[in-house]
């Protein structure tokens, strides 16, 4: 990572912070402390990023993304840690299956959780919740459809 990458990422994060009402410009504005508290990270990590000293670690990046209302994927790509190709967007996959792709079976809930990026420690809970909304006997239901077709008819 170059200093230009860090500078571009920090400038983008600064704009997000200002846009969400954090006063990060005045010494006693409290914006840096407020965002650090809301994200559950050390104020020093926020300060180091804004002063272009260092990139936040992965957990700090994840927490800042949540508070700033930005997908973690976008934060990781903009930070230069990963490229868009390295971090495929599961929503793109669901919306645009490969040309000629055939769905021969309904995806398992575990596969859906994986596509949606559900953390491993929450997968079991995800499956239990989603199962409540599914018919009891899926064998008697209509043939599986691509997820995009199912979403289009759900509206």
C-alpha atoms as a PDB file:
ATOM      1  CA  UNK A   1       0.000   0.000   0.000  1.00  0.00           C
ATOM      2  CA  UNK A   2       1.311   3.394  -0.940  1.00  0.00           C
ATOM      3  CA  UNK A   3       0.957   6.660   0.914  1.00  0.00           C
ATOM      4  CA  UNK A   4      -1.302   7.783  -1.945  1.00  0.00           C
ATOM      5  CA  UNK A   5      -3.641   4.852  -1.206  1.00  0.00           C
ATOM      6  CA  UNK A   6      -3.726   5.790   2.467  1.00  0.00           C
ATOM      7  CA  UNK A   7      -4.329   9.447   1.616  1.00  0.00           C
ATOM      8  CA  UNK A   8      -7.185   8.651  -0.780  1.00  0.00           C
ATOM      9  CA  UNK A   9      -8.816   6.269   1.700  1.00  0.00           C
ATOM     10  CA  UNK A  10      -8.468   8.713   4.603  1.00  0.00           C
ATOM     11  CA  UNK A  11      -9.948  11.537   2.503  1.00  0.00           C
ATOM     12  CA  UNK A  12     -12.915   9.333   1.587  1.00  0.00           C
ATOM     13  CA  UNK A  13     -13.479   8.351   5.243  1.00  0.00           C
ATOM     14  CA  UNK A  14     -13.206  12.010   6.298  1.00  0.00           C
ATOM     15  CA  UNK A  15     -15.933  12.931   3.818  1.00  0.00           C
ATOM     16  CA  UNK A  16     -18.134  10.143   5.172  1.00  0.00           C
ATOM     17  CA  UNK A  17     -17.570  11.289   8.749  1.00  0.00           C
ATOM     18  CA  UNK A  18     -18.348  14.914   7.958  1.00  0.00           C
ATOM     19  CA  UNK A  19     -21.396  13.891   5.958  1.00  0.00           C
ATOM     20  CA  UNK A  20     -22.736  12.012   8.961  1.00  0.00           C
ATOM     21  CA  UNK A  21     -22.263  14.954  11.300  1.00  0.00           C
ATOM     22  CA  UNK A  22     -18.977  14.125  13.013  1.00  0.00           C
ATOM     23  CA  UNK A  23     -16.970  17.284  13.754  1.00  0.00           C
ATOM     24  CA  UNK A  24     -13.496  15.993  12.970  1.00  0.00           C
ATOM     25  CA  UNK A  25     -11.989  19.347  11.992  1.00  0.00           C
ATOM     26  CA  UNK A  26     -12.026  21.404  15.170  1.00  0.00           C
ATOM     27  CA  UNK A  27      -9.662  20.328  17.955  1.00  0.00           C
ATOM     28  CA  UNK A  28     -12.413  20.262  20.568  1.00  0.00           C
ATOM     29  CA  UNK A  29     -15.284  19.247  18.298  1.00  0.00           C
ATOM     30  CA  UNK A  30     -15.458  15.775  19.789  1.00  0.00           C
ATOM     31  CA  UNK A  31     -16.088  14.069  16.458  1.00  0.00           C
ATOM     32  CA  UNK A  32     -13.102  11.737  16.625  1.00  0.00           C
ATOM     33  CA  UNK A  33     -13.952  10.620  20.142  1.00  0.00           C
ATOM     34  CA  UNK A  34     -17.637  10.257  19.289  1.00  0.00           C
ATOM     35  CA  UNK A  35     -17.069   8.060  16.252  1.00  0.00           C
ATOM     36  CA  UNK A  36     -14.486   5.987  18.132  1.00  0.00           C
ATOM     37  CA  UNK A  37     -16.953   5.461  20.991  1.00  0.00           C
ATOM     38  CA  UNK A  38     -19.847   4.612  18.672  1.00  0.00           C
ATOM     39  CA  UNK A  39     -17.689   2.171  16.714  1.00  0.00           C
ATOM     40  CA  UNK A  40     -16.134   0.668  19.831  1.00  0.00           C
ATOM     41  CA  UNK A  41     -12.572   1.384  18.698  1.00  0.00           C
ATOM     42  CA  UNK A  42      -9.676   3.320  20.179  1.00  0.00           C
ATOM     43  CA  UNK A  43      -9.615   7.027  19.438  1.00  0.00           C
ATOM     44  CA  UNK A  44      -5.951   6.644  18.507  1.00  0.00           C
ATOM     45  CA  UNK A  45      -6.900   4.368  15.591  1.00  0.00           C
ATOM     46  CA  UNK A  46      -9.236   7.046  14.232  1.00  0.00           C
ATOM     47  CA  UNK A  47      -6.615   9.751  14.746  1.00  0.00           C
ATOM     48  CA  UNK A  48      -3.868   7.713  13.029  1.00  0.00           C
ATOM     49  CA  UNK A  49      -6.120   7.200  10.004  1.00  0.00           C
ATOM     50  CA  UNK A  50      -7.158  10.846   9.762  1.00  0.00           C
ATOM     51  CA  UNK A  51      -3.528  11.974  10.131  1.00  0.00           C
ATOM     52  CA  UNK A  52      -2.540   9.511   7.382  1.00  0.00           C
ATOM     53  CA  UNK A  53      -0.200   7.627   9.704  1.00  0.00           C
ATOM     54  CA  UNK A  54      -1.641   4.129   9.335  1.00  0.00           C
ATOM     55  CA  UNK A  55      -4.492   2.117   7.912  1.00  0.00           C
ATOM     56  CA  UNK A  56      -6.905   0.704  10.511  1.00  0.00           C
ATOM     57  CA  UNK A  57      -6.825  -3.034  11.160  1.00  0.00           C
ATOM     58  CA  UNK A  58      -9.575  -5.264   9.820  1.00  0.00           C
ATOM     59  CA  UNK A  59     -11.753  -5.195  12.947  1.00  0.00           C
ATOM     60  CA  UNK A  60     -11.515  -1.400  13.219  1.00  0.00           C
ATOM     61  CA  UNK A  61     -12.371  -1.105   9.521  1.00  0.00           C
ATOM     62  CA  UNK A  62     -15.403  -3.355  10.014  1.00  0.00           C
ATOM     63  CA  UNK A  63     -16.631  -1.339  13.000  1.00  0.00           C
ATOM     64  CA  UNK A  64     -16.120   2.004  11.276  1.00  0.00           C
ATOM     65  CA  UNK A  65     -18.023   0.720   8.246  1.00  0.00           C
ATOM     66  CA  UNK A  66     -20.981  -0.181  10.447  1.00  0.00           C
ATOM     67  CA  UNK A  67     -21.096   3.235  12.123  1.00  0.00           C
ATOM     68  CA  UNK A  68     -20.624   5.091   8.835  1.00  0.00           C
ATOM     69  CA  UNK A  69     -23.296   3.023   7.117  1.00  0.00           C
ATOM     70  CA  UNK A  70     -20.960   1.717   4.426  1.00  0.00           C
ATOM     71  CA  UNK A  71     -20.622  -1.927   3.359  1.00  0.00           C
ATOM     72  CA  UNK A  72     -17.469  -3.543   4.735  1.00  0.00           C
ATOM     73  CA  UNK A  73     -16.768  -4.719   1.187  1.00  0.00           C
ATOM     74  CA  UNK A  74     -16.544  -1.117  -0.020  1.00  0.00           C
ATOM     75  CA  UNK A  75     -14.283  -0.145   2.876  1.00  0.00           C
ATOM     76  CA  UNK A  76     -11.916  -3.036   2.126  1.00  0.00           C
ATOM     77  CA  UNK A  77     -11.774  -2.236  -1.574  1.00  0.00           C
ATOM     78  CA  UNK A  78     -11.296   1.505  -1.057  1.00  0.00           C
ATOM     79  CA  UNK A  79      -8.612   0.849   1.543  1.00  0.00           C
ATOM     80  CA  UNK A  80      -6.667  -1.120  -1.050  1.00  0.00           C
ATOM     81  CA  UNK A  81      -6.593  -4.251   1.101  1.00  0.00           C
ATOM     82  CA  UNK A  82      -8.564  -6.203  -1.503  1.00  0.00           C
ATOM     83  CA  UNK A  83      -9.672  -5.664  -5.069  1.00  0.00           C
ATOM     84  CA  UNK A  84     -13.234  -5.977  -6.295  1.00  0.00           C
ATOM     85  CA  UNK A  85     -12.215  -9.184  -8.058  1.00  0.00           C
ATOM     86  CA  UNK A  86     -10.743 -10.659  -4.876  1.00  0.00           C
ATOM     87  CA  UNK A  87     -13.868  -9.793  -2.922  1.00  0.00           C
ATOM     88  CA  UNK A  88     -16.742 -10.814  -5.146  1.00  0.00           C
ATOM     89  CA  UNK A  89     -20.045  -9.157  -4.330  1.00  0.00           C
ATOM     90  CA  UNK A  90     -22.587 -11.850  -3.448  1.00  0.00           C
ATOM     91  CA  UNK A  91     -25.384  -9.527  -4.551  1.00  0.00           C
ATOM     92  CA  UNK A  92     -23.865  -9.309  -8.025  1.00  0.00           C
ATOM     93  CA  UNK A  93     -23.776 -13.098  -8.162  1.00  0.00           C
ATOM     94  CA  UNK A  94     -27.404 -13.367  -7.120  1.00  0.00           C
ATOM     95  CA  UNK A  95     -28.557 -10.677  -9.522  1.00  0.00           C
ATOM     96  CA  UNK A  96     -26.509 -11.809 -12.488  1.00  0.00           C
ATOM     97  CA  UNK A  97     -25.980 -15.536 -12.743  1.00  0.00           C
ATOM     98  CA  UNK A  98     -23.475 -16.693 -15.304  1.00  0.00           C
ATOM     99  CA  UNK A  99     -24.882 -16.770 -18.838  1.00  0.00           C
ATOM    100  CA  UNK A 100     -26.619 -20.063 -19.442  1.00  0.00           C
ATOM    101  CA  UNK A 101     -26.457 -20.989 -15.764  1.00  0.00           C
ATOM    102  CA  UNK A 102     -29.013 -23.576 -14.797  1.00  0.00           C
ATOM    103  CA  UNK A 103     -30.264 -23.947 -11.267  1.00  0.00           C
ATOM    104  CA  UNK A 104     -30.805 -27.674 -10.990  1.00  0.00           C
ATOM    105  CA  UNK A 105     -31.575 -27.537  -7.288  1.00  0.00           C
ATOM    106  CA  UNK A 106     -32.613 -25.044  -4.669  1.00  0.00           C
ATOM    107  CA  UNK A 107     -29.565 -23.698  -2.799  1.00  0.00           C
ATOM    108  CA  UNK A 108     -29.252 -24.792   0.809  1.00  0.00           C
ATOM    109  CA  UNK A 109     -29.715 -22.202   3.509  1.00  0.00           C
ATOM    110  CA  UNK A 110     -26.039 -22.602   4.347  1.00  0.00           C
ATOM    111  CA  UNK A 111     -25.165 -21.733   0.732  1.00  0.00           C
ATOM    112  CA  UNK A 112     -27.485 -18.725   0.844  1.00  0.00           C
ATOM    113  CA  UNK A 113     -25.872 -17.612   4.101  1.00  0.00           C
ATOM    114  CA  UNK A 114     -22.468 -17.907   2.448  1.00  0.00           C
ATOM    115  CA  UNK A 115     -23.607 -15.899  -0.588  1.00  0.00           C
ATOM    116  CA  UNK A 116     -25.022 -13.201   1.681  1.00  0.00           C
ATOM    117  CA  UNK A 117     -21.836 -13.027   3.740  1.00  0.00           C
ATOM    118  CA  UNK A 118     -23.416 -14.165   7.018  1.00  0.00           C
ATOM    119  CA  UNK A 119     -20.549 -14.597   9.516  1.00  0.00           C
ATOM    120  CA  UNK A 120     -19.779 -18.218  10.417  1.00  0.00           C
ATOM    121  CA  UNK A 121     -20.649 -17.684  14.076  1.00  0.00           C
ATOM    122  CA  UNK A 122     -24.169 -16.546  13.093  1.00  0.00           C
ATOM    123  CA  UNK A 123     -24.966 -19.111  10.397  1.00  0.00           C
ATOM    124  CA  UNK A 124     -26.846 -21.496  12.663  1.00  0.00           C
ATOM    125  CA  UNK A 125     -29.076 -18.672  13.899  1.00  0.00           C
ATOM    126  CA  UNK A 126     -29.594 -17.459  10.302  1.00  0.00           C
ATOM    127  CA  UNK A 127     -30.691 -20.928   9.190  1.00  0.00           C
ATOM    128  CA  UNK A 128     -33.091 -21.323  12.144  1.00  0.00           C
ATOM    129  CA  UNK A 129     -34.724 -17.952  11.478  1.00  0.00           C
ATOM    130  CA  UNK A 130     -35.069 -18.427   7.720  1.00  0.00           C
ATOM    131  CA  UNK A 131     -36.456 -21.954   8.140  1.00  0.00           C
ATOM    132  CA  UNK A 132     -39.432 -20.421   9.963  1.00  0.00           C
ATOM    133  CA  UNK A 133     -40.502 -18.701   6.740  1.00  0.00           C
ATOM    134  CA  UNK A 134     -40.198 -21.731   4.472  1.00  0.00           C
ATOM    135  CA  UNK A 135     -42.946 -24.273   3.766  1.00  0.00           C
ATOM    136  CA  UNK A 136     -42.715 -27.373   5.948  1.00  0.00           C
ATOM    137  CA  UNK A 137     -42.559 -29.793   3.030  1.00  0.00           C
ATOM    138  CA  UNK A 138     -40.440 -28.343   0.245  1.00  0.00           C
ATOM    139  CA  UNK A 139     -40.795 -31.513  -1.855  1.00  0.00           C
ATOM    140  CA  UNK A 140     -44.429 -30.661  -2.683  1.00  0.00           C
ATOM    141  CA  UNK A 141     -43.602 -27.108  -3.688  1.00  0.00           C
ATOM    142  CA  UNK A 142     -43.003 -25.679  -7.142  1.00  0.00           C
ATOM    143  CA  UNK A 143     -39.777 -26.331  -8.978  1.00  0.00           C
ATOM    144  CA  UNK A 144     -36.775 -24.308  -7.787  1.00  0.00           C
ATOM    145  CA  UNK A 145     -36.330 -21.027  -9.602  1.00  0.00           C
ATOM    146  CA  UNK A 146     -33.314 -18.782  -9.907  1.00  0.00           C
ATOM    147  CA  UNK A 147     -33.115 -16.490  -6.908  1.00  0.00           C
ATOM    148  CA  UNK A 148     -33.571 -13.467  -9.168  1.00  0.00           C
ATOM    149  CA  UNK A 149     -36.875 -14.841 -10.478  1.00  0.00           C
ATOM    150  CA  UNK A 150     -38.050 -15.580  -6.958  1.00  0.00           C
ATOM    151  CA  UNK A 151     -37.184 -12.043  -5.875  1.00  0.00           C
ATOM    152  CA  UNK A 152     -38.980 -10.531  -8.858  1.00  0.00           C
ATOM    153  CA  UNK A 153     -42.231 -12.336  -8.034  1.00  0.00           C
ATOM    154  CA  UNK A 154     -41.999 -11.531  -4.327  1.00  0.00           C
ATOM    155  CA  UNK A 155     -42.922  -7.882  -4.884  1.00  0.00           C
END
